[in-house]
């Protein structure tokens, strides 16, 4: 994989150290980072013209060049956007982003500005078959989404993972603090028109706890517009244009052509509980698969009994960190270890 070459230009030593530490811990395989504290130091480096992106922070506010530059602003998001609109009168297409936003959101800005296609191997067609893991719960288990996200995060420590879901009213944005402007609706519209490009696709992808995510439909009624055709087109696009090793998808039980969509998965996880009531609902689900000619789908299913509830999750912090340091987080990790044996 060809790394994105980035120059971080900022006189704030502490900020640079934090930035570098994050990249080293999470994106060392994707990003090559060089740090400069003065304009003279940067312009005197023979590598100056070879960067995919120059990030200009404190001390570099007035720096301009014909290289690809993204400016960091100390202002908050709305103020930074307003500043960018004023700056465009003097510097066309000047890109200004908030400096002190969560690193995962800043990373998304970096990928978009640098051009995500640079992550692909030069001269090599991506075309790989990533493993597709589908998650479903005929019992409508409240922990389905949380289990799937935590499983994706655990997989993401070793592999390149994309997570997305087709759940109704999942609360994903608020729950995980995601504020992106694009969601799966944008992907589907481009797919249907035949206009989905790699560049546009990466505009719709956000970073979260070491994995990539596409935000769910803001309007849950749009889930009804996803059927087998759109699902097949999406998976084909992923295999031909990205290098994700694992796709984790949460299916809602009311999704059209659900069984057909699940048939494209390499592995299926059924999230449930122990008890006669839950067994009856699961049995109904298996009978439906058999009657509709999807016995092969049933054979891929692994039942996961999750004996936890979401009542102890609280706002005001990183939900994933809450889960990682909980009994539930230990449960998901142990389950993965058992499956890997």
C-alpha atoms as a PDB file:
ATOM      1  CA  UNK A   1       0.000   0.000   0.000  1.00  0.00           C
ATOM      2  CA  UNK A   2       1.285   3.455  -0.895  1.00  0.00           C
ATOM      3  CA  UNK A   3       1.285   5.706   2.145  1.00  0.00           C
ATOM      4  CA  UNK A   4      -0.166   9.207   2.179  1.00  0.00           C
ATOM      5  CA  UNK A   5       2.708  11.648   2.674  1.00  0.00           C
ATOM      6  CA  UNK A   6       1.769  14.441   5.075  1.00  0.00           C
ATOM      7  CA  UNK A   7       3.658  17.449   6.391  1.00  0.00           C
ATOM      8  CA  UNK A   8       2.411  18.866   9.696  1.00  0.00           C
ATOM      9  CA  UNK A   9       3.611  22.458  10.025  1.00  0.00           C
ATOM     10  CA  UNK A  10       2.963  23.882  13.484  1.00  0.00           C
ATOM     11  CA  UNK A  11       5.077  25.662  16.090  1.00  0.00           C
ATOM     12  CA  UNK A  12       3.007  24.126  18.909  1.00  0.00           C
ATOM     13  CA  UNK A  13       5.318  21.327  20.038  1.00  0.00           C
ATOM     14  CA  UNK A  14       2.746  19.719  22.341  1.00  0.00           C
ATOM     15  CA  UNK A  15       0.112  19.552  19.582  1.00  0.00           C
ATOM     16  CA  UNK A  16       2.631  18.040  17.168  1.00  0.00           C
ATOM     17  CA  UNK A  17       3.607  15.388  19.706  1.00  0.00           C
ATOM     18  CA  UNK A  18      -0.034  14.414  20.276  1.00  0.00           C
ATOM     19  CA  UNK A  19      -0.702  14.359  16.543  1.00  0.00           C
ATOM     20  CA  UNK A  20       2.361  12.200  15.859  1.00  0.00           C
ATOM     21  CA  UNK A  21       1.527   9.807  18.702  1.00  0.00           C
ATOM     22  CA  UNK A  22      -1.967   9.217  17.310  1.00  0.00           C
ATOM     23  CA  UNK A  23      -0.655   8.569  13.806  1.00  0.00           C
ATOM     24  CA  UNK A  24       2.034   6.229  15.097  1.00  0.00           C
ATOM     25  CA  UNK A  25      -0.436   4.220  17.164  1.00  0.00           C
ATOM     26  CA  UNK A  26      -3.300   4.062  14.668  1.00  0.00           C
ATOM     27  CA  UNK A  27      -2.225   4.934  11.116  1.00  0.00           C
ATOM     28  CA  UNK A  28       1.475   4.084  10.797  1.00  0.00           C
ATOM     29  CA  UNK A  29       0.745   1.716   7.905  1.00  0.00           C
ATOM     30  CA  UNK A  30      -1.194   4.347   5.943  1.00  0.00           C
ATOM     31  CA  UNK A  31       0.417   7.712   6.666  1.00  0.00           C
ATOM     32  CA  UNK A  32       4.000   8.960   6.450  1.00  0.00           C
ATOM     33  CA  UNK A  33       4.287  12.021   8.682  1.00  0.00           C
ATOM     34  CA  UNK A  34       6.911  14.778   8.671  1.00  0.00           C
ATOM     35  CA  UNK A  35       6.791  17.624  11.217  1.00  0.00           C
ATOM     36  CA  UNK A  36       8.098  21.188  10.790  1.00  0.00           C
ATOM     37  CA  UNK A  37       8.079  23.974  13.380  1.00  0.00           C
ATOM     38  CA  UNK A  38       9.089  26.929  11.150  1.00  0.00           C
ATOM     39  CA  UNK A  39       8.394  28.059   7.609  1.00  0.00           C
ATOM     40  CA  UNK A  40      12.131  28.181   6.895  1.00  0.00           C
ATOM     41  CA  UNK A  41      12.552  24.593   8.013  1.00  0.00           C
ATOM     42  CA  UNK A  42       9.736  23.455   5.737  1.00  0.00           C
ATOM     43  CA  UNK A  43      10.678  25.449   2.623  1.00  0.00           C
ATOM     44  CA  UNK A  44      14.299  24.386   3.020  1.00  0.00           C
ATOM     45  CA  UNK A  45      13.432  20.694   2.864  1.00  0.00           C
ATOM     46  CA  UNK A  46      13.873  19.133  -0.569  1.00  0.00           C
ATOM     47  CA  UNK A  47      10.812  16.949   0.126  1.00  0.00           C
ATOM     48  CA  UNK A  48       8.543  20.016   0.196  1.00  0.00           C
ATOM     49  CA  UNK A  49       6.974  19.348  -3.207  1.00  0.00           C
ATOM     50  CA  UNK A  50       6.462  15.631  -2.622  1.00  0.00           C
ATOM     51  CA  UNK A  51       3.744  15.762   0.028  1.00  0.00           C
ATOM     52  CA  UNK A  52       0.174  14.726  -0.702  1.00  0.00           C
ATOM     53  CA  UNK A  53      -1.000  17.208   1.919  1.00  0.00           C
ATOM     54  CA  UNK A  54       0.494  20.029   3.969  1.00  0.00           C
ATOM     55  CA  UNK A  55      -1.305  20.778   7.241  1.00  0.00           C
ATOM     56  CA  UNK A  56      -0.603  24.378   8.264  1.00  0.00           C
ATOM     57  CA  UNK A  57      -1.211  25.311  11.895  1.00  0.00           C
ATOM     58  CA  UNK A  58       0.167  27.860  14.359  1.00  0.00           C
ATOM     59  CA  UNK A  59       2.887  30.032  12.839  1.00  0.00           C
ATOM     60  CA  UNK A  60       1.915  29.030   9.294  1.00  0.00           C
ATOM     61  CA  UNK A  61      -1.341  31.004   8.972  1.00  0.00           C
ATOM     62  CA  UNK A  62       0.058  33.246   6.232  1.00  0.00           C
ATOM     63  CA  UNK A  63       1.976  30.529   4.412  1.00  0.00           C
ATOM     64  CA  UNK A  64       0.874  29.923   0.841  1.00  0.00           C
ATOM     65  CA  UNK A  65       2.162  27.733  -1.951  1.00  0.00           C
ATOM     66  CA  UNK A  66       0.948  25.748  -4.928  1.00  0.00           C
ATOM     67  CA  UNK A  67       1.073  22.558  -2.837  1.00  0.00           C
ATOM     68  CA  UNK A  68      -2.086  20.971  -1.396  1.00  0.00           C
ATOM     69  CA  UNK A  69      -2.631  22.820   1.909  1.00  0.00           C
ATOM     70  CA  UNK A  70      -5.181  22.407   4.691  1.00  0.00           C
ATOM     71  CA  UNK A  71      -5.166  25.128   7.369  1.00  0.00           C
ATOM     72  CA  UNK A  72      -5.885  24.452  11.039  1.00  0.00           C
ATOM     73  CA  UNK A  73      -7.987  27.001  12.898  1.00  0.00           C
ATOM     74  CA  UNK A  74      -8.182  27.456  16.680  1.00  0.00           C
ATOM     75  CA  UNK A  75     -11.843  28.423  16.260  1.00  0.00           C
ATOM     76  CA  UNK A  76     -14.710  26.016  16.837  1.00  0.00           C
ATOM     77  CA  UNK A  77     -16.435  24.278  13.939  1.00  0.00           C
ATOM     78  CA  UNK A  78     -19.019  26.926  12.968  1.00  0.00           C
ATOM     79  CA  UNK A  79     -16.563  29.787  13.428  1.00  0.00           C
ATOM     80  CA  UNK A  80     -13.943  27.960  11.372  1.00  0.00           C
ATOM     81  CA  UNK A  81     -16.469  27.441   8.585  1.00  0.00           C
ATOM     82  CA  UNK A  82     -17.326  31.154   8.650  1.00  0.00           C
ATOM     83  CA  UNK A  83     -13.620  32.023   8.557  1.00  0.00           C
ATOM     84  CA  UNK A  84     -13.176  29.748   5.556  1.00  0.00           C
ATOM     85  CA  UNK A  85     -15.968  31.538   3.678  1.00  0.00           C
ATOM     86  CA  UNK A  86     -14.326  34.931   4.276  1.00  0.00           C
ATOM     87  CA  UNK A  87     -10.874  33.635   3.355  1.00  0.00           C
ATOM     88  CA  UNK A  88     -12.097  32.358  -0.007  1.00  0.00           C
ATOM     89  CA  UNK A  89     -12.440  35.958  -1.172  1.00  0.00           C
ATOM     90  CA  UNK A  90      -8.657  36.289  -1.064  1.00  0.00           C
ATOM     91  CA  UNK A  91      -7.482  32.675  -1.355  1.00  0.00           C
ATOM     92  CA  UNK A  92      -9.782  30.606  -3.605  1.00  0.00           C
ATOM     93  CA  UNK A  93     -10.553  27.077  -2.380  1.00  0.00           C
ATOM     94  CA  UNK A  94      -8.685  27.623   0.887  1.00  0.00           C
ATOM     95  CA  UNK A  95      -9.438  24.666   3.144  1.00  0.00           C
ATOM     96  CA  UNK A  96      -9.822  25.546   6.834  1.00  0.00           C
ATOM     97  CA  UNK A  97     -10.756  22.999   9.505  1.00  0.00           C
ATOM     98  CA  UNK A  98     -11.038  23.082  13.277  1.00  0.00           C
ATOM     99  CA  UNK A  99      -7.746  22.227  14.958  1.00  0.00           C
ATOM    100  CA  UNK A 100      -9.119  20.842  18.211  1.00  0.00           C
ATOM    101  CA  UNK A 101     -11.792  18.498  16.925  1.00  0.00           C
ATOM    102  CA  UNK A 102     -11.635  14.749  17.696  1.00  0.00           C
ATOM    103  CA  UNK A 103      -8.690  13.168  15.883  1.00  0.00           C
ATOM    104  CA  UNK A 104     -10.923  10.699  14.078  1.00  0.00           C
ATOM    105  CA  UNK A 105     -12.938  13.537  12.522  1.00  0.00           C
ATOM    106  CA  UNK A 106      -9.771  15.452  11.666  1.00  0.00           C
ATOM    107  CA  UNK A 107      -8.426  12.297  10.052  1.00  0.00           C
ATOM    108  CA  UNK A 108     -11.489  12.187   7.815  1.00  0.00           C
ATOM    109  CA  UNK A 109     -10.772  15.763   6.697  1.00  0.00           C
ATOM    110  CA  UNK A 110      -7.172  14.763   5.984  1.00  0.00           C
ATOM    111  CA  UNK A 111      -8.169  11.760   3.875  1.00  0.00           C
ATOM    112  CA  UNK A 112     -10.651  13.772   1.835  1.00  0.00           C
ATOM    113  CA  UNK A 113      -8.239  16.659   1.238  1.00  0.00           C
ATOM    114  CA  UNK A 114      -5.323  14.352   0.393  1.00  0.00           C
ATOM    115  CA  UNK A 115      -7.413  12.181  -1.912  1.00  0.00           C
ATOM    116  CA  UNK A 116      -8.237   8.738  -0.603  1.00  0.00           C
ATOM    117  CA  UNK A 117      -7.255   7.016  -3.851  1.00  0.00           C
ATOM    118  CA  UNK A 118      -3.662   7.535  -2.784  1.00  0.00           C
ATOM    119  CA  UNK A 119      -4.206   4.764  -0.264  1.00  0.00           C
ATOM    120  CA  UNK A 120      -4.457   2.254  -3.081  1.00  0.00           C
ATOM    121  CA  UNK A 121      -1.374   0.429  -4.414  1.00  0.00           C
ATOM    122  CA  UNK A 122       0.086   2.174  -7.447  1.00  0.00           C
ATOM    123  CA  UNK A 123      -0.505   0.297 -10.678  1.00  0.00           C
ATOM    124  CA  UNK A 124      -2.326  -2.530  -8.916  1.00  0.00           C
ATOM    125  CA  UNK A 125      -6.043  -3.193  -9.161  1.00  0.00           C
ATOM    126  CA  UNK A 126      -7.560  -3.387  -5.694  1.00  0.00           C
ATOM    127  CA  UNK A 127     -10.166  -6.092  -6.463  1.00  0.00           C
ATOM    128  CA  UNK A 128     -10.020  -8.141  -3.271  1.00  0.00           C
ATOM    129  CA  UNK A 129     -12.741 -10.159  -1.590  1.00  0.00           C
ATOM    130  CA  UNK A 130     -13.050  -8.856   1.940  1.00  0.00           C
ATOM    131  CA  UNK A 131     -14.861 -11.029   4.439  1.00  0.00           C
ATOM    132  CA  UNK A 132     -18.470  -9.905   4.921  1.00  0.00           C
ATOM    133  CA  UNK A 133     -19.849 -10.444   8.425  1.00  0.00           C
ATOM    134  CA  UNK A 134     -23.577  -9.894   8.790  1.00  0.00           C
ATOM    135  CA  UNK A 135     -25.256  -9.411  12.170  1.00  0.00           C
ATOM    136  CA  UNK A 136     -28.980  -9.905  12.724  1.00  0.00           C
ATOM    137  CA  UNK A 137     -31.348 -10.311  15.656  1.00  0.00           C
ATOM    138  CA  UNK A 138     -34.853 -11.728  15.095  1.00  0.00           C
ATOM    139  CA  UNK A 139     -35.367 -11.020  18.805  1.00  0.00           C
ATOM    140  CA  UNK A 140     -34.480  -7.335  18.221  1.00  0.00           C
ATOM    141  CA  UNK A 141     -31.853  -7.574  20.970  1.00  0.00           C
ATOM    142  CA  UNK A 142     -30.958  -4.102  22.287  1.00  0.00           C
ATOM    143  CA  UNK A 143     -27.253  -5.027  22.297  1.00  0.00           C
ATOM    144  CA  UNK A 144     -27.051  -5.971  18.600  1.00  0.00           C
ATOM    145  CA  UNK A 145     -25.522  -2.693  17.450  1.00  0.00           C
ATOM    146  CA  UNK A 146     -23.190  -2.443  20.452  1.00  0.00           C
ATOM    147  CA  UNK A 147     -21.985  -6.017  19.991  1.00  0.00           C
ATOM    148  CA  UNK A 148     -21.359  -5.457  16.277  1.00  0.00           C
ATOM    149  CA  UNK A 149     -19.446  -2.215  16.813  1.00  0.00           C
ATOM    150  CA  UNK A 150     -17.293  -3.713  19.556  1.00  0.00           C
ATOM    151  CA  UNK A 151     -16.620  -6.813  17.450  1.00  0.00           C
ATOM    152  CA  UNK A 152     -15.621  -4.555  14.535  1.00  0.00           C
ATOM    153  CA  UNK A 153     -13.311  -2.524  16.803  1.00  0.00           C
ATOM    154  CA  UNK A 154     -11.657  -5.715  18.064  1.00  0.00           C
ATOM    155  CA  UNK A 155     -11.176  -6.961  14.500  1.00  0.00           C
ATOM    156  CA  UNK A 156      -9.835  -3.528  13.557  1.00  0.00           C
ATOM    157  CA  UNK A 157      -6.782  -4.017  15.754  1.00  0.00           C
ATOM    158  CA  UNK A 158      -5.480  -6.557  13.251  1.00  0.00           C
ATOM    159  CA  UNK A 159      -7.378  -5.894  10.012  1.00  0.00           C
ATOM    160  CA  UNK A 160      -8.802  -3.041   7.989  1.00  0.00           C
ATOM    161  CA  UNK A 161     -12.508  -2.921   8.861  1.00  0.00           C
ATOM    162  CA  UNK A 162     -15.552  -1.036   7.563  1.00  0.00           C
ATOM    163  CA  UNK A 163     -18.728  -0.967   9.674  1.00  0.00           C
ATOM    164  CA  UNK A 164     -22.208   0.195   8.649  1.00  0.00           C
ATOM    165  CA  UNK A 165     -25.765  -0.662   9.608  1.00  0.00           C
ATOM    166  CA  UNK A 166     -29.293  -0.899   8.283  1.00  0.00           C
ATOM    167  CA  UNK A 167     -31.013  -0.596  11.660  1.00  0.00           C
ATOM    168  CA  UNK A 168     -34.062   1.589  12.175  1.00  0.00           C
ATOM    169  CA  UNK A 169     -33.596   4.434  14.689  1.00  0.00           C
ATOM    170  CA  UNK A 170     -30.182   3.115  15.698  1.00  0.00           C
ATOM    171  CA  UNK A 171     -29.149   6.381  17.383  1.00  0.00           C
ATOM    172  CA  UNK A 172     -25.682   5.812  15.964  1.00  0.00           C
ATOM    173  CA  UNK A 173     -24.719   9.466  15.504  1.00  0.00           C
ATOM    174  CA  UNK A 174     -25.566  10.566  19.035  1.00  0.00           C
ATOM    175  CA  UNK A 175     -24.412   7.345  20.649  1.00  0.00           C
ATOM    176  CA  UNK A 176     -20.947   7.414  19.095  1.00  0.00           C
ATOM    177  CA  UNK A 177     -20.538  11.175  18.673  1.00  0.00           C
ATOM    178  CA  UNK A 178     -20.537  11.192  14.862  1.00  0.00           C
ATOM    179  CA  UNK A 179     -21.387  14.478  13.113  1.00  0.00           C
ATOM    180  CA  UNK A 180     -20.564  13.811   9.461  1.00  0.00           C
ATOM    181  CA  UNK A 181     -22.584  15.328   6.626  1.00  0.00           C
ATOM    182  CA  UNK A 182     -22.756  12.153   4.516  1.00  0.00           C
ATOM    183  CA  UNK A 183     -24.566   8.897   5.242  1.00  0.00           C
ATOM    184  CA  UNK A 184     -25.580   5.731   3.401  1.00  0.00           C
ATOM    185  CA  UNK A 185     -28.284   7.655   1.537  1.00  0.00           C
ATOM    186  CA  UNK A 186     -25.586   9.489  -0.407  1.00  0.00           C
ATOM    187  CA  UNK A 187     -23.865   6.217  -1.310  1.00  0.00           C
ATOM    188  CA  UNK A 188     -27.103   4.621  -2.526  1.00  0.00           C
ATOM    189  CA  UNK A 189     -28.091   7.611  -4.679  1.00  0.00           C
ATOM    190  CA  UNK A 190     -24.723   7.554  -6.437  1.00  0.00           C
ATOM    191  CA  UNK A 191     -24.888   3.782  -6.855  1.00  0.00           C
ATOM    192  CA  UNK A 192     -28.295   3.965  -8.525  1.00  0.00           C
ATOM    193  CA  UNK A 193     -27.197   6.682 -10.914  1.00  0.00           C
ATOM    194  CA  UNK A 194     -23.999   4.823 -11.750  1.00  0.00           C
ATOM    195  CA  UNK A 195     -21.979   7.838 -10.574  1.00  0.00           C
ATOM    196  CA  UNK A 196     -20.332   6.451  -7.430  1.00  0.00           C
ATOM    197  CA  UNK A 197     -16.613   7.173  -7.670  1.00  0.00           C
ATOM    198  CA  UNK A 198     -13.847   6.175  -5.292  1.00  0.00           C
ATOM    199  CA  UNK A 199     -13.280   9.812  -4.375  1.00  0.00           C
ATOM    200  CA  UNK A 200     -16.959  10.375  -3.542  1.00  0.00           C
ATOM    201  CA  UNK A 201     -17.129   7.122  -1.602  1.00  0.00           C
ATOM    202  CA  UNK A 202     -14.307   8.191   0.702  1.00  0.00           C
ATOM    203  CA  UNK A 203     -16.171  11.444   1.402  1.00  0.00           C
ATOM    204  CA  UNK A 204     -18.808   9.228   3.018  1.00  0.00           C
ATOM    205  CA  UNK A 205     -16.389   7.235   5.188  1.00  0.00           C
ATOM    206  CA  UNK A 206     -15.485   8.328   8.719  1.00  0.00           C
ATOM    207  CA  UNK A 207     -12.946   7.050  11.233  1.00  0.00           C
ATOM    208  CA  UNK A 208     -13.970   5.763  14.659  1.00  0.00           C
ATOM    209  CA  UNK A 209     -11.810   3.928  17.206  1.00  0.00           C
ATOM    210  CA  UNK A 210      -9.512   2.401  14.622  1.00  0.00           C
ATOM    211  CA  UNK A 211     -12.210   1.353  12.148  1.00  0.00           C
ATOM    212  CA  UNK A 212     -13.965   3.047   9.238  1.00  0.00           C
ATOM    213  CA  UNK A 213     -17.715   3.649   9.304  1.00  0.00           C
ATOM    214  CA  UNK A 214     -20.463   4.810   6.961  1.00  0.00           C
ATOM    215  CA  UNK A 215     -23.164   6.599   8.926  1.00  0.00           C
ATOM    216  CA  UNK A 216     -26.641   4.986   8.872  1.00  0.00           C
ATOM    217  CA  UNK A 217     -29.616   6.441   7.036  1.00  0.00           C
ATOM    218  CA  UNK A 218     -30.777   9.594   8.811  1.00  0.00           C
ATOM    219  CA  UNK A 219     -34.304   8.763   7.649  1.00  0.00           C
ATOM    220  CA  UNK A 220     -35.003   5.105   8.567  1.00  0.00           C
ATOM    221  CA  UNK A 221     -37.668   4.894   5.859  1.00  0.00           C
ATOM    222  CA  UNK A 222     -34.856   4.986   3.318  1.00  0.00           C
ATOM    223  CA  UNK A 223     -33.803   1.515   4.450  1.00  0.00           C
ATOM    224  CA  UNK A 224     -36.797   0.222   2.503  1.00  0.00           C
ATOM    225  CA  UNK A 225     -35.076   1.438  -0.649  1.00  0.00           C
ATOM    226  CA  UNK A 226     -32.195  -1.022  -0.141  1.00  0.00           C
ATOM    227  CA  UNK A 227     -32.769  -4.381  -1.772  1.00  0.00           C
ATOM    228  CA  UNK A 228     -30.678  -7.147  -3.219  1.00  0.00           C
ATOM    229  CA  UNK A 229     -29.659  -5.140  -6.303  1.00  0.00           C
ATOM    230  CA  UNK A 230     -28.289  -2.168  -4.346  1.00  0.00           C
ATOM    231  CA  UNK A 231     -26.595  -4.479  -1.840  1.00  0.00           C
ATOM    232  CA  UNK A 232     -24.897  -6.485  -4.601  1.00  0.00           C
ATOM    233  CA  UNK A 233     -23.753  -3.289  -6.328  1.00  0.00           C
ATOM    234  CA  UNK A 234     -22.316  -1.959  -3.087  1.00  0.00           C
ATOM    235  CA  UNK A 235     -20.377  -5.138  -2.283  1.00  0.00           C
ATOM    236  CA  UNK A 236     -19.058  -5.299  -5.854  1.00  0.00           C
ATOM    237  CA  UNK A 237     -17.914  -1.677  -5.618  1.00  0.00           C
ATOM    238  CA  UNK A 238     -16.159  -2.387  -2.320  1.00  0.00           C
ATOM    239  CA  UNK A 239     -14.296  -5.363  -3.749  1.00  0.00           C
ATOM    240  CA  UNK A 240     -13.206  -3.514  -6.878  1.00  0.00           C
ATOM    241  CA  UNK A 241     -12.271  -0.146  -5.387  1.00  0.00           C
ATOM    242  CA  UNK A 242     -11.194  -0.579  -1.762  1.00  0.00           C
ATOM    243  CA  UNK A 243      -8.850  -2.765   0.233  1.00  0.00           C
ATOM    244  CA  UNK A 244     -10.993  -3.401   3.300  1.00  0.00           C
ATOM    245  CA  UNK A 245     -10.334  -6.842   4.731  1.00  0.00           C
ATOM    246  CA  UNK A 246     -13.572  -7.107   6.709  1.00  0.00           C
ATOM    247  CA  UNK A 247     -17.027  -5.562   6.309  1.00  0.00           C
ATOM    248  CA  UNK A 248     -19.309  -5.707   9.348  1.00  0.00           C
ATOM    249  CA  UNK A 249     -22.964  -4.901   8.699  1.00  0.00           C
ATOM    250  CA  UNK A 250     -25.927  -4.779  11.082  1.00  0.00           C
ATOM    251  CA  UNK A 251     -29.131  -5.899   9.367  1.00  0.00           C
ATOM    252  CA  UNK A 252     -32.541  -4.678  10.503  1.00  0.00           C
ATOM    253  CA  UNK A 253     -35.208  -7.361  10.361  1.00  0.00           C
ATOM    254  CA  UNK A 254     -37.531  -5.216   8.221  1.00  0.00           C
ATOM    255  CA  UNK A 255     -34.967  -4.724   5.467  1.00  0.00           C
ATOM    256  CA  UNK A 256     -36.381  -5.693   2.032  1.00  0.00           C
ATOM    257  CA  UNK A 257     -35.039  -8.932   0.553  1.00  0.00           C
ATOM    258  CA  UNK A 258     -33.212  -9.578   3.816  1.00  0.00           C
ATOM    259  CA  UNK A 259     -32.473 -13.239   3.138  1.00  0.00           C
ATOM    260  CA  UNK A 260     -31.061 -12.460  -0.310  1.00  0.00           C
ATOM    261  CA  UNK A 261     -28.817  -9.786   1.176  1.00  0.00           C
ATOM    262  CA  UNK A 262     -27.613 -12.102   3.936  1.00  0.00           C
ATOM    263  CA  UNK A 263     -26.717 -14.730   1.338  1.00  0.00           C
ATOM    264  CA  UNK A 264     -23.793 -12.532   0.227  1.00  0.00           C
ATOM    265  CA  UNK A 265     -22.285 -12.690   3.734  1.00  0.00           C
ATOM    266  CA  UNK A 266     -19.450 -15.088   4.508  1.00  0.00           C
ATOM    267  CA  UNK A 267     -20.483 -15.308   8.150  1.00  0.00           C
ATOM    268  CA  UNK A 268     -23.673 -14.457  10.027  1.00  0.00           C
ATOM    269  CA  UNK A 269     -24.050 -13.731  13.724  1.00  0.00           C
ATOM    270  CA  UNK A 270     -27.465 -14.055  15.328  1.00  0.00           C
ATOM    271  CA  UNK A 271     -27.628 -11.979  18.506  1.00  0.00           C
ATOM    272  CA  UNK A 272     -30.049 -13.364  21.069  1.00  0.00           C
ATOM    273  CA  UNK A 273     -30.718 -14.453  24.632  1.00  0.00           C
ATOM    274  CA  UNK A 274     -31.332 -17.716  26.435  1.00  0.00           C
ATOM    275  CA  UNK A 275     -34.909 -18.673  27.245  1.00  0.00           C
ATOM    276  CA  UNK A 276     -37.972 -20.265  25.684  1.00  0.00           C
ATOM    277  CA  UNK A 277     -39.501 -16.987  24.460  1.00  0.00           C
ATOM    278  CA  UNK A 278     -36.335 -16.126  22.529  1.00  0.00           C
ATOM    279  CA  UNK A 279     -35.981 -19.670  21.206  1.00  0.00           C
ATOM    280  CA  UNK A 280     -39.463 -19.388  19.681  1.00  0.00           C
ATOM    281  CA  UNK A 281     -38.556 -16.216  17.795  1.00  0.00           C
ATOM    282  CA  UNK A 282     -35.295 -17.688  16.543  1.00  0.00           C
ATOM    283  CA  UNK A 283     -37.060 -20.871  15.435  1.00  0.00           C
ATOM    284  CA  UNK A 284     -39.546 -18.769  13.476  1.00  0.00           C
ATOM    285  CA  UNK A 285     -36.602 -17.024  11.775  1.00  0.00           C
ATOM    286  CA  UNK A 286     -34.949 -20.316  10.776  1.00  0.00           C
ATOM    287  CA  UNK A 287     -38.267 -21.678   9.475  1.00  0.00           C
ATOM    288  CA  UNK A 288     -38.691 -18.558   7.348  1.00  0.00           C
ATOM    289  CA  UNK A 289     -35.230 -19.017   5.843  1.00  0.00           C
ATOM    290  CA  UNK A 290     -36.006 -22.637   4.994  1.00  0.00           C
ATOM    291  CA  UNK A 291     -39.407 -21.864   3.445  1.00  0.00           C
ATOM    292  CA  UNK A 292     -37.907 -19.128   1.258  1.00  0.00           C
ATOM    293  CA  UNK A 293     -35.177 -21.434  -0.037  1.00  0.00           C
ATOM    294  CA  UNK A 294     -32.332 -19.924   1.970  1.00  0.00           C
ATOM    295  CA  UNK A 295     -31.149 -22.971   3.883  1.00  0.00           C
ATOM    296  CA  UNK A 296     -27.579 -22.086   2.888  1.00  0.00           C
ATOM    297  CA  UNK A 297     -27.959 -18.810   4.769  1.00  0.00           C
ATOM    298  CA  UNK A 298     -29.079 -20.636   7.912  1.00  0.00           C
ATOM    299  CA  UNK A 299     -25.978 -22.836   7.755  1.00  0.00           C
ATOM    300  CA  UNK A 300     -23.720 -19.768   8.022  1.00  0.00           C
ATOM    301  CA  UNK A 301     -25.290 -18.548  11.263  1.00  0.00           C
ATOM    302  CA  UNK A 302     -23.524 -18.542  14.632  1.00  0.00           C
ATOM    303  CA  UNK A 303     -25.857 -17.914  17.573  1.00  0.00           C
ATOM    304  CA  UNK A 304     -24.433 -15.501  20.164  1.00  0.00           C
ATOM    305  CA  UNK A 305     -26.342 -15.325  23.442  1.00  0.00           C
ATOM    306  CA  UNK A 306     -25.648 -11.885  24.911  1.00  0.00           C
ATOM    307  CA  UNK A 307     -26.776 -11.681  28.573  1.00  0.00           C
ATOM    308  CA  UNK A 308     -26.407  -7.908  28.907  1.00  0.00           C
ATOM    309  CA  UNK A 309     -28.510  -4.757  28.602  1.00  0.00           C
ATOM    310  CA  UNK A 310     -27.685  -1.174  27.638  1.00  0.00           C
ATOM    311  CA  UNK A 311     -29.217   0.447  30.734  1.00  0.00           C
ATOM    312  CA  UNK A 312     -25.846   1.362  32.279  1.00  0.00           C
ATOM    313  CA  UNK A 313     -24.503   3.254  29.261  1.00  0.00           C
ATOM    314  CA  UNK A 314     -24.343   6.983  29.958  1.00  0.00           C
ATOM    315  CA  UNK A 315     -23.667  10.076  27.876  1.00  0.00           C
ATOM    316  CA  UNK A 316     -20.921  12.615  28.262  1.00  0.00           C
ATOM    317  CA  UNK A 317     -18.044  10.339  27.306  1.00  0.00           C
ATOM    318  CA  UNK A 318     -16.682   7.919  24.751  1.00  0.00           C
ATOM    319  CA  UNK A 319     -19.199   5.074  24.603  1.00  0.00           C
ATOM    320  CA  UNK A 320     -16.729   2.686  22.997  1.00  0.00           C
ATOM    321  CA  UNK A 321     -14.276   3.254  25.852  1.00  0.00           C
ATOM    322  CA  UNK A 322     -17.103   2.657  28.323  1.00  0.00           C
ATOM    323  CA  UNK A 323     -17.849  -0.650  26.641  1.00  0.00           C
ATOM    324  CA  UNK A 324     -14.214  -1.696  26.311  1.00  0.00           C
ATOM    325  CA  UNK A 325     -13.724  -1.382  30.073  1.00  0.00           C
ATOM    326  CA  UNK A 326     -16.940  -3.160  30.980  1.00  0.00           C
ATOM    327  CA  UNK A 327     -18.001  -6.738  31.594  1.00  0.00           C
ATOM    328  CA  UNK A 328     -19.741  -6.616  28.225  1.00  0.00           C
ATOM    329  CA  UNK A 329     -16.489  -5.559  26.532  1.00  0.00           C
ATOM    330  CA  UNK A 330     -14.720  -8.528  28.118  1.00  0.00           C
ATOM    331  CA  UNK A 331     -17.525 -10.783  26.890  1.00  0.00           C
ATOM    332  CA  UNK A 332     -17.107  -9.618  23.263  1.00  0.00           C
ATOM    333  CA  UNK A 333     -13.318 -10.055  23.433  1.00  0.00           C
ATOM    334  CA  UNK A 334     -13.598 -13.550  24.915  1.00  0.00           C
ATOM    335  CA  UNK A 335     -16.156 -14.511  22.287  1.00  0.00           C
ATOM    336  CA  UNK A 336     -13.766 -13.444  19.505  1.00  0.00           C
ATOM    337  CA  UNK A 337     -10.915 -15.414  21.069  1.00  0.00           C
ATOM    338  CA  UNK A 338     -13.082 -18.531  21.230  1.00  0.00           C
ATOM    339  CA  UNK A 339     -14.141 -18.111  17.590  1.00  0.00           C
ATOM    340  CA  UNK A 340     -10.495 -17.690  16.541  1.00  0.00           C
ATOM    341  CA  UNK A 341      -9.468 -20.984  18.137  1.00  0.00           C
END
